[in-house]
Amino acid sequence: MSRALELKIMPMPLAVLVAAAMWALASAFPGLTIALPLHGSIALLLLLSGLVCVFGSALVFRRKRTTLDPRQPEQAATLLTGGLFRISRNPIYLGFLLLLLAWFEYLANLAALPLLPAFVLYLNRFQIIPEERALAERFGDAYLDYCKRVRRWL
């Protein structure tokens, strides 16, 4: 696969674009709307979980004074392994996925569903794998050991 898209599209605008596409698909195919149990409650729980992942992790980046710019992982000053980084190597991306899941739950439309795995696949290929290469080069065995202990998503 080409590396042309690696580290090019910021994950947050990508998540917003995916959310807009989900809305467009749900609007275009209203017949695919489904009834979901605990519709609003689950959406709210996913929303809050996503916000905690995104903002809690961003706060760790700021406290450790390391780059939050996902386009330049080689500039990381510190290998983050505490807090939410103990359960996910990518808690901000996990947070974006939880926010998109909340949006799917709110929309309750099957037409929007395929965009969720597409978002994960895109991030894995064009964002996370290049980040992992850069972090392995920057932090060596410490990063490789961390990868053995903590999963990419959950």
N, C-alpha and C. Protein backbone atom coordinates (compact mmCIF):
# COMPACT_ATOMS: atom_id res chain seq x y z
N MET A 1 0.83 -1.19 0.00
CA MET A 1 0.00 0.00 0.00
C MET A 1 0.87 1.25 0.00
N SER A 2 0.39 2.26 -0.62
CA SER A 2 1.12 3.51 -0.72
C SER A 2 1.20 4.21 0.63
N ARG A 3 2.31 4.89 0.84
CA ARG A 3 2.49 5.65 2.07
C ARG A 3 2.06 7.11 1.90
N ALA A 4 1.47 7.44 0.77
CA ALA A 4 1.12 8.83 0.46
C ALA A 4 0.16 9.44 1.49
N LEU A 5 -0.71 8.65 2.06
CA LEU A 5 -1.68 9.19 3.03
C LEU A 5 -1.24 9.06 4.48
N GLU A 6 -0.07 8.46 4.71
CA GLU A 6 0.37 8.26 6.08
C GLU A 6 0.61 9.59 6.79
N LEU A 7 0.01 9.71 7.97
CA LEU A 7 0.17 10.87 8.85
C LEU A 7 -0.23 12.18 8.18
N LYS A 8 -1.13 12.12 7.22
CA LYS A 8 -1.54 13.33 6.49
C LYS A 8 -2.84 13.93 7.00
N ILE A 9 -3.80 13.10 7.30
CA ILE A 9 -5.11 13.60 7.72
C ILE A 9 -5.21 13.49 9.23
N MET A 10 -5.42 14.62 9.88
CA MET A 10 -5.53 14.63 11.34
C MET A 10 -6.74 13.78 11.76
N PRO A 11 -6.59 12.95 12.78
CA PRO A 11 -7.69 12.07 13.20
C PRO A 11 -8.95 12.82 13.64
N MET A 12 -8.82 13.97 14.30
CA MET A 12 -10.03 14.66 14.75
C MET A 12 -10.87 15.15 13.56
N PRO A 13 -10.30 15.86 12.59
CA PRO A 13 -11.13 16.24 11.43
C PRO A 13 -11.66 15.02 10.68
N LEU A 14 -10.88 13.94 10.65
CA LEU A 14 -11.36 12.71 10.01
C LEU A 14 -12.60 12.20 10.73
N ALA A 15 -12.58 12.19 12.06
CA ALA A 15 -13.73 11.74 12.82
C ALA A 15 -14.95 12.63 12.54
N VAL A 16 -14.74 13.93 12.43
CA VAL A 16 -15.83 14.86 12.12
C VAL A 16 -16.38 14.57 10.72
N LEU A 17 -15.48 14.31 9.78
CA LEU A 17 -15.90 13.98 8.41
C LEU A 17 -16.70 12.68 8.39
N VAL A 18 -16.25 11.69 9.13
CA VAL A 18 -16.97 10.42 9.21
C VAL A 18 -18.35 10.64 9.85
N ALA A 19 -18.41 11.44 10.89
CA ALA A 19 -19.70 11.73 11.54
C ALA A 19 -20.66 12.41 10.56
N ALA A 20 -20.15 13.33 9.76
CA ALA A 20 -20.99 14.00 8.76
C ALA A 20 -21.46 13.01 7.70
N ALA A 21 -20.57 12.12 7.28
CA ALA A 21 -20.95 11.10 6.29
C ALA A 21 -21.99 10.14 6.87
N MET A 22 -21.84 9.82 8.16
CA MET A 22 -22.83 8.96 8.81
C MET A 22 -24.20 9.62 8.79
N TRP A 23 -24.24 10.91 9.10
CA TRP A 23 -25.51 11.65 9.09
C TRP A 23 -26.09 11.67 7.68
N ALA A 24 -25.24 11.92 6.68
CA ALA A 24 -25.71 11.98 5.30
C ALA A 24 -26.30 10.63 4.87
N LEU A 25 -25.62 9.56 5.22
CA LEU A 25 -26.14 8.23 4.86
C LEU A 25 -27.44 7.93 5.58
N ALA A 26 -27.51 8.28 6.86
CA ALA A 26 -28.75 8.04 7.62
C ALA A 26 -29.90 8.86 7.02
N SER A 27 -29.60 10.06 6.57
CA SER A 27 -30.63 10.91 5.95
C SER A 27 -31.06 10.37 4.59
N ALA A 28 -30.10 9.83 3.85
CA ALA A 28 -30.39 9.31 2.52
C ALA A 28 -31.16 7.99 2.55
N PHE A 29 -31.02 7.24 3.65
CA PHE A 29 -31.66 5.93 3.74
C PHE A 29 -32.48 5.82 5.03
N PRO A 30 -33.54 6.61 5.16
CA PRO A 30 -34.33 6.58 6.40
C PRO A 30 -34.99 5.22 6.66
N GLY A 31 -35.16 4.43 5.63
CA GLY A 31 -35.76 3.11 5.80
C GLY A 31 -34.87 2.14 6.55
N LEU A 32 -33.60 2.50 6.74
CA LEU A 32 -32.68 1.63 7.47
C LEU A 32 -32.56 2.01 8.95
N THR A 33 -33.44 2.88 9.39
CA THR A 33 -33.47 3.24 10.80
C THR A 33 -33.99 2.05 11.60
N ILE A 34 -33.35 1.80 12.74
CA ILE A 34 -33.70 0.66 13.57
C ILE A 34 -34.01 1.13 14.98
N ALA A 35 -34.75 0.31 15.69
CA ALA A 35 -35.04 0.59 17.10
C ALA A 35 -33.94 -0.05 17.93
N LEU A 36 -33.27 0.76 18.72
CA LEU A 36 -32.21 0.26 19.59
C LEU A 36 -32.66 0.35 21.04
N PRO A 37 -32.41 -0.70 21.83
CA PRO A 37 -32.80 -0.65 23.24
C PRO A 37 -31.97 0.40 23.98
N LEU A 38 -32.58 1.05 24.93
CA LEU A 38 -31.92 2.06 25.74
C LEU A 38 -31.21 3.11 24.88
N HIS A 39 -31.86 3.46 23.80
CA HIS A 39 -31.31 4.32 22.75
C HIS A 39 -30.54 5.53 23.30
N GLY A 40 -31.18 6.39 24.01
CA GLY A 40 -30.52 7.61 24.50
C GLY A 40 -29.49 7.35 25.58
N SER A 41 -29.76 6.42 26.46
CA SER A 41 -28.84 6.13 27.56
C SER A 41 -27.51 5.58 27.07
N ILE A 42 -27.56 4.68 26.13
CA ILE A 42 -26.32 4.10 25.60
C ILE A 42 -25.54 5.17 24.83
N ALA A 43 -26.23 5.98 24.05
CA ALA A 43 -25.56 7.05 23.32
C ALA A 43 -24.86 8.01 24.29
N LEU A 44 -25.53 8.35 25.36
CA LEU A 44 -24.94 9.26 26.35
C LEU A 44 -23.73 8.62 27.03
N LEU A 45 -23.84 7.35 27.39
CA LEU A 45 -22.72 6.65 28.02
C LEU A 45 -21.50 6.58 27.08
N LEU A 46 -21.75 6.27 25.81
CA LEU A 46 -20.67 6.24 24.83
C LEU A 46 -20.07 7.62 24.62
N LEU A 47 -20.92 8.63 24.58
CA LEU A 47 -20.45 10.01 24.42
C LEU A 47 -19.54 10.41 25.57
N LEU A 48 -19.98 10.17 26.79
CA LEU A 48 -19.18 10.54 27.96
C LEU A 48 -17.87 9.75 28.02
N SER A 49 -17.94 8.47 27.70
CA SER A 49 -16.72 7.64 27.68
C SER A 49 -15.73 8.16 26.64
N GLY A 50 -16.23 8.51 25.48
CA GLY A 50 -15.38 9.04 24.42
C GLY A 50 -14.73 10.35 24.83
N LEU A 51 -15.50 11.23 25.45
CA LEU A 51 -14.95 12.51 25.89
C LEU A 51 -13.88 12.33 26.96
N VAL A 52 -14.11 11.40 27.87
CA VAL A 52 -13.10 11.11 28.91
C VAL A 52 -11.81 10.61 28.26
N CYS A 53 -11.94 9.70 27.29
CA CYS A 53 -10.74 9.18 26.61
C CYS A 53 -9.98 10.29 25.89
N VAL A 54 -10.69 11.11 25.14
CA VAL A 54 -10.04 12.15 24.35
C VAL A 54 -9.41 13.20 25.25
N PHE A 55 -10.20 13.80 26.13
CA PHE A 55 -9.68 14.91 26.92
C PHE A 55 -8.76 14.45 28.05
N GLY A 56 -9.04 13.28 28.63
CA GLY A 56 -8.16 12.75 29.66
C GLY A 56 -6.78 12.44 29.10
N SER A 57 -6.75 11.87 27.91
CA SER A 57 -5.47 11.54 27.28
C SER A 57 -4.73 12.81 26.83
N ALA A 58 -5.47 13.75 26.28
CA ALA A 58 -4.84 15.01 25.86
C ALA A 58 -4.21 15.71 27.05
N LEU A 59 -4.85 15.63 28.19
CA LEU A 59 -4.30 16.23 29.41
C LEU A 59 -2.98 15.57 29.79
N VAL A 60 -2.88 14.25 29.64
CA VAL A 60 -1.63 13.54 29.93
C VAL A 60 -0.53 14.02 28.99
N PHE A 61 -0.84 14.20 27.71
CA PHE A 61 0.15 14.73 26.76
C PHE A 61 0.66 16.09 27.23
N ARG A 62 -0.26 16.96 27.66
CA ARG A 62 0.13 18.31 28.11
C ARG A 62 0.97 18.24 29.39
N ARG A 63 0.55 17.42 30.34
CA ARG A 63 1.30 17.31 31.61
C ARG A 63 2.71 16.79 31.39
N LYS A 64 2.86 15.87 30.45
CA LYS A 64 4.18 15.28 30.17
C LYS A 64 4.98 16.13 29.17
N ARG A 65 4.37 17.21 28.72
CA ARG A 65 5.01 18.14 27.78
C ARG A 65 5.57 17.42 26.55
N THR A 66 4.72 16.64 25.94
CA THR A 66 5.11 15.95 24.70
C THR A 66 4.11 16.33 23.61
N THR A 67 4.50 16.12 22.39
CA THR A 67 3.67 16.56 21.27
C THR A 67 2.33 15.84 21.22
N LEU A 68 1.32 16.61 20.92
CA LEU A 68 -0.02 16.07 20.73
C LEU A 68 -0.35 16.00 19.23
N ASP A 69 0.57 16.46 18.40
CA ASP A 69 0.38 16.47 16.96
C ASP A 69 0.62 15.08 16.40
N PRO A 70 -0.43 14.39 15.94
CA PRO A 70 -0.26 13.01 15.47
C PRO A 70 0.46 12.91 14.14
N ARG A 71 0.72 14.04 13.49
CA ARG A 71 1.44 14.01 12.22
C ARG A 71 2.95 13.95 12.43
N GLN A 72 3.40 14.17 13.68
CA GLN A 72 4.83 14.19 13.96
C GLN A 72 5.18 13.33 15.19
N PRO A 73 4.92 12.02 15.11
CA PRO A 73 5.19 11.16 16.27
C PRO A 73 6.67 11.08 16.64
N GLU A 74 7.53 11.33 15.68
CA GLU A 74 8.96 11.28 15.96
C GLU A 74 9.40 12.38 16.91
N GLN A 75 8.55 13.38 17.14
CA GLN A 75 8.88 14.47 18.06
C GLN A 75 8.42 14.19 19.49
N ALA A 76 7.91 13.00 19.74
CA ALA A 76 7.47 12.64 21.09
C ALA A 76 8.65 12.75 22.06
N ALA A 77 8.44 13.48 23.15
CA ALA A 77 9.50 13.66 24.15
C ALA A 77 9.47 12.55 25.19
N THR A 78 8.31 11.94 25.37
CA THR A 78 8.11 10.95 26.42
C THR A 78 7.24 9.82 25.90
N LEU A 79 7.55 8.62 26.33
CA LEU A 79 6.69 7.48 26.04
C LEU A 79 5.61 7.43 27.12
N LEU A 80 4.37 7.62 26.71
CA LEU A 80 3.26 7.65 27.66
C LEU A 80 2.75 6.24 27.90
N THR A 81 2.78 5.80 29.17
CA THR A 81 2.35 4.45 29.50
C THR A 81 1.41 4.42 30.71
N GLY A 82 1.12 5.56 31.29
CA GLY A 82 0.25 5.60 32.48
C GLY A 82 -1.16 6.04 32.13
N GLY A 83 -2.00 6.06 33.14
CA GLY A 83 -3.39 6.49 32.95
C GLY A 83 -4.10 5.60 31.94
N LEU A 84 -4.83 6.22 31.03
CA LEU A 84 -5.55 5.46 30.01
C LEU A 84 -4.62 4.72 29.07
N PHE A 85 -3.36 5.14 29.02
CA PHE A 85 -2.38 4.47 28.16
C PHE A 85 -1.99 3.09 28.71
N ARG A 86 -2.47 2.75 29.90
CA ARG A 86 -2.26 1.40 30.44
C ARG A 86 -3.22 0.39 29.83
N ILE A 87 -4.34 0.90 29.28
CA ILE A 87 -5.34 -0.02 28.71
C ILE A 87 -5.45 0.08 27.19
N SER A 88 -4.93 1.17 26.62
CA SER A 88 -4.95 1.36 25.17
C SER A 88 -3.73 2.16 24.76
N ARG A 89 -3.07 1.73 23.69
CA ARG A 89 -1.94 2.51 23.19
C ARG A 89 -2.43 3.76 22.47
N ASN A 90 -3.71 3.81 22.15
CA ASN A 90 -4.29 4.93 21.39
C ASN A 90 -5.61 5.39 22.01
N PRO A 91 -5.58 5.85 23.26
CA PRO A 91 -6.85 6.20 23.89
C PRO A 91 -7.57 7.38 23.25
N ILE A 92 -6.86 8.29 22.60
CA ILE A 92 -7.55 9.38 21.92
C ILE A 92 -8.31 8.84 20.72
N TYR A 93 -7.69 7.96 19.96
CA TYR A 93 -8.38 7.37 18.80
C TYR A 93 -9.53 6.49 19.27
N LEU A 94 -9.34 5.80 20.36
CA LEU A 94 -10.42 5.02 20.96
C LEU A 94 -11.57 5.95 21.33
N GLY A 95 -11.22 7.11 21.90
CA GLY A 95 -12.24 8.10 22.25
C GLY A 95 -13.01 8.57 21.03
N PHE A 96 -12.31 8.84 19.93
CA PHE A 96 -13.00 9.23 18.70
C PHE A 96 -13.95 8.14 18.23
N LEU A 97 -13.51 6.88 18.32
CA LEU A 97 -14.37 5.78 17.93
C LEU A 97 -15.60 5.69 18.84
N LEU A 98 -15.41 5.88 20.13
CA LEU A 98 -16.55 5.87 21.05
C LEU A 98 -17.53 7.00 20.73
N LEU A 99 -17.01 8.16 20.36
CA LEU A 99 -17.87 9.28 19.97
C LEU A 99 -18.65 8.94 18.70
N LEU A 100 -17.99 8.28 17.75
CA LEU A 100 -18.69 7.86 16.53
C LEU A 100 -19.72 6.77 16.83
N LEU A 101 -19.40 5.89 17.76
CA LEU A 101 -20.38 4.87 18.17
C LEU A 101 -21.59 5.53 18.83
N ALA A 102 -21.34 6.56 19.63
CA ALA A 102 -22.44 7.31 20.25
C ALA A 102 -23.31 7.94 19.17
N TRP A 103 -22.68 8.49 18.14
CA TRP A 103 -23.40 9.12 17.04
C TRP A 103 -24.22 8.07 16.28
N PHE A 104 -23.62 6.89 16.06
CA PHE A 104 -24.36 5.81 15.42
C PHE A 104 -25.57 5.42 16.27
N GLU A 105 -25.36 5.30 17.56
CA GLU A 105 -26.45 4.94 18.46
C GLU A 105 -27.56 5.99 18.39
N TYR A 106 -27.17 7.24 18.34
CA TYR A 106 -28.15 8.34 18.26
C TYR A 106 -28.89 8.29 16.92
N LEU A 107 -28.15 8.12 15.82
CA LEU A 107 -28.77 8.06 14.50
C LEU A 107 -29.63 6.81 14.33
N ALA A 108 -29.19 5.70 14.92
CA ALA A 108 -29.90 4.41 14.87
C ALA A 108 -30.25 4.04 13.43
N ASN A 109 -29.26 4.16 12.55
CA ASN A 109 -29.49 3.87 11.15
C ASN A 109 -28.37 2.97 10.62
N LEU A 110 -28.74 1.83 10.07
CA LEU A 110 -27.76 0.84 9.61
C LEU A 110 -26.88 1.34 8.46
N ALA A 111 -27.35 2.33 7.71
CA ALA A 111 -26.54 2.85 6.60
C ALA A 111 -25.24 3.48 7.12
N ALA A 112 -25.26 3.98 8.34
CA ALA A 112 -24.07 4.63 8.92
C ALA A 112 -23.07 3.62 9.48
N LEU A 113 -23.51 2.42 9.74
CA LEU A 113 -22.67 1.43 10.42
C LEU A 113 -21.35 1.09 9.70
N PRO A 114 -21.32 0.90 8.39
CA PRO A 114 -20.05 0.53 7.73
C PRO A 114 -18.94 1.58 7.88
N LEU A 115 -19.29 2.79 8.19
CA LEU A 115 -18.26 3.82 8.33
C LEU A 115 -17.44 3.64 9.61
N LEU A 116 -17.96 2.94 10.58
CA LEU A 116 -17.20 2.71 11.82
C LEU A 116 -15.99 1.81 11.58
N PRO A 117 -16.15 0.62 10.99
CA PRO A 117 -14.95 -0.17 10.71
C PRO A 117 -14.04 0.52 9.68
N ALA A 118 -14.61 1.29 8.75
CA ALA A 118 -13.78 2.01 7.78
C ALA A 118 -12.89 3.02 8.50
N PHE A 119 -13.43 3.68 9.51
CA PHE A 119 -12.66 4.63 10.31
C PHE A 119 -11.50 3.93 11.02
N VAL A 120 -11.79 2.79 11.62
CA VAL A 120 -10.75 2.02 12.33
C VAL A 120 -9.68 1.54 11.35
N LEU A 121 -10.10 1.00 10.22
CA LEU A 121 -9.14 0.50 9.23
C LEU A 121 -8.25 1.63 8.71
N TYR A 122 -8.85 2.77 8.43
CA TYR A 122 -8.06 3.91 7.95
C TYR A 122 -7.05 4.34 9.01
N LEU A 123 -7.51 4.51 10.24
CA LEU A 123 -6.59 4.93 11.31
C LEU A 123 -5.47 3.91 11.51
N ASN A 124 -5.82 2.63 11.52
CA ASN A 124 -4.78 1.61 11.68
C ASN A 124 -3.72 1.74 10.60
N ARG A 125 -4.14 1.83 9.36
CA ARG A 125 -3.19 1.81 8.24
C ARG A 125 -2.42 3.12 8.08
N PHE A 126 -3.11 4.24 8.13
CA PHE A 126 -2.47 5.50 7.76
C PHE A 126 -2.06 6.38 8.93
N GLN A 127 -2.47 6.02 10.13
CA GLN A 127 -2.08 6.83 11.28
C GLN A 127 -1.31 5.99 12.32
N ILE A 128 -1.91 4.92 12.78
CA ILE A 128 -1.32 4.18 13.90
C ILE A 128 -0.06 3.43 13.50
N ILE A 129 -0.08 2.71 12.40
CA ILE A 129 1.12 1.95 11.99
C ILE A 129 2.31 2.88 11.76
N PRO A 130 2.14 4.02 11.06
CA PRO A 130 3.27 4.94 10.95
C PRO A 130 3.72 5.51 12.29
N GLU A 131 2.78 5.78 13.18
CA GLU A 131 3.14 6.26 14.53
C GLU A 131 3.96 5.19 15.25
N GLU A 132 3.52 3.95 15.15
CA GLU A 132 4.22 2.86 15.82
C GLU A 132 5.65 2.71 15.31
N ARG A 133 5.83 2.85 13.99
CA ARG A 133 7.19 2.81 13.43
C ARG A 133 8.06 3.91 14.03
N ALA A 134 7.52 5.13 14.07
CA ALA A 134 8.28 6.26 14.59
C ALA A 134 8.58 6.09 16.08
N LEU A 135 7.62 5.62 16.84
CA LEU A 135 7.83 5.45 18.28
C LEU A 135 8.80 4.32 18.58
N ALA A 136 8.76 3.26 17.78
CA ALA A 136 9.71 2.16 17.96
C ALA A 136 11.13 2.65 17.68
N GLU A 137 11.26 3.47 16.66
CA GLU A 137 12.58 4.02 16.35
C GLU A 137 13.05 4.97 17.44
N ARG A 138 12.15 5.76 17.97
CA ARG A 138 12.50 6.77 18.99
C ARG A 138 12.77 6.16 20.35
N PHE A 139 11.94 5.19 20.77
CA PHE A 139 12.03 4.66 22.14
C PHE A 139 12.53 3.22 22.22
N GLY A 140 12.74 2.58 21.10
CA GLY A 140 13.35 1.26 21.06
C GLY A 140 12.63 0.20 21.86
N ASP A 141 13.41 -0.55 22.65
CA ASP A 141 12.87 -1.69 23.40
C ASP A 141 11.79 -1.28 24.40
N ALA A 142 11.89 -0.09 24.96
CA ALA A 142 10.86 0.36 25.91
C ALA A 142 9.49 0.40 25.23
N TYR A 143 9.46 0.89 23.99
CA TYR A 143 8.20 0.94 23.26
C TYR A 143 7.75 -0.47 22.85
N LEU A 144 8.67 -1.29 22.40
CA LEU A 144 8.31 -2.65 21.99
C LEU A 144 7.78 -3.46 23.17
N ASP A 145 8.35 -3.27 24.35
CA ASP A 145 7.84 -3.93 25.56
C ASP A 145 6.44 -3.42 25.90
N TYR A 146 6.25 -2.13 25.76
CA TYR A 146 4.94 -1.52 26.01
C TYR A 146 3.90 -2.13 25.05
N CYS A 147 4.26 -2.30 23.78
CA CYS A 147 3.35 -2.89 22.80
C CYS A 147 2.97 -4.32 23.16
N LYS A 148 3.86 -5.03 23.79
CA LYS A 148 3.56 -6.41 24.21
C LYS A 148 2.57 -6.43 25.38
N ARG A 149 2.58 -5.39 26.20
CA ARG A 149 1.71 -5.33 27.38
C ARG A 149 0.35 -4.72 27.09
N VAL A 150 0.28 -3.79 26.14
CA VAL A 150 -0.94 -3.01 25.93
C VAL A 150 -1.37 -3.13 24.48
N ARG A 151 -2.66 -3.36 24.29
CA ARG A 151 -3.20 -3.53 22.95
C ARG A 151 -3.35 -2.19 22.23
N ARG A 152 -3.42 -2.27 20.93
CA ARG A 152 -3.53 -1.07 20.10
C ARG A 152 -4.80 -0.28 20.41
N TRP A 153 -5.93 -0.95 20.51
CA TRP A 153 -7.20 -0.26 20.77
C TRP A 153 -7.68 -0.55 22.20
N LEU A 154 -7.98 -1.78 22.47
CA LEU A 154 -8.45 -2.18 23.82
C LEU A 154 -7.98 -3.58 24.13
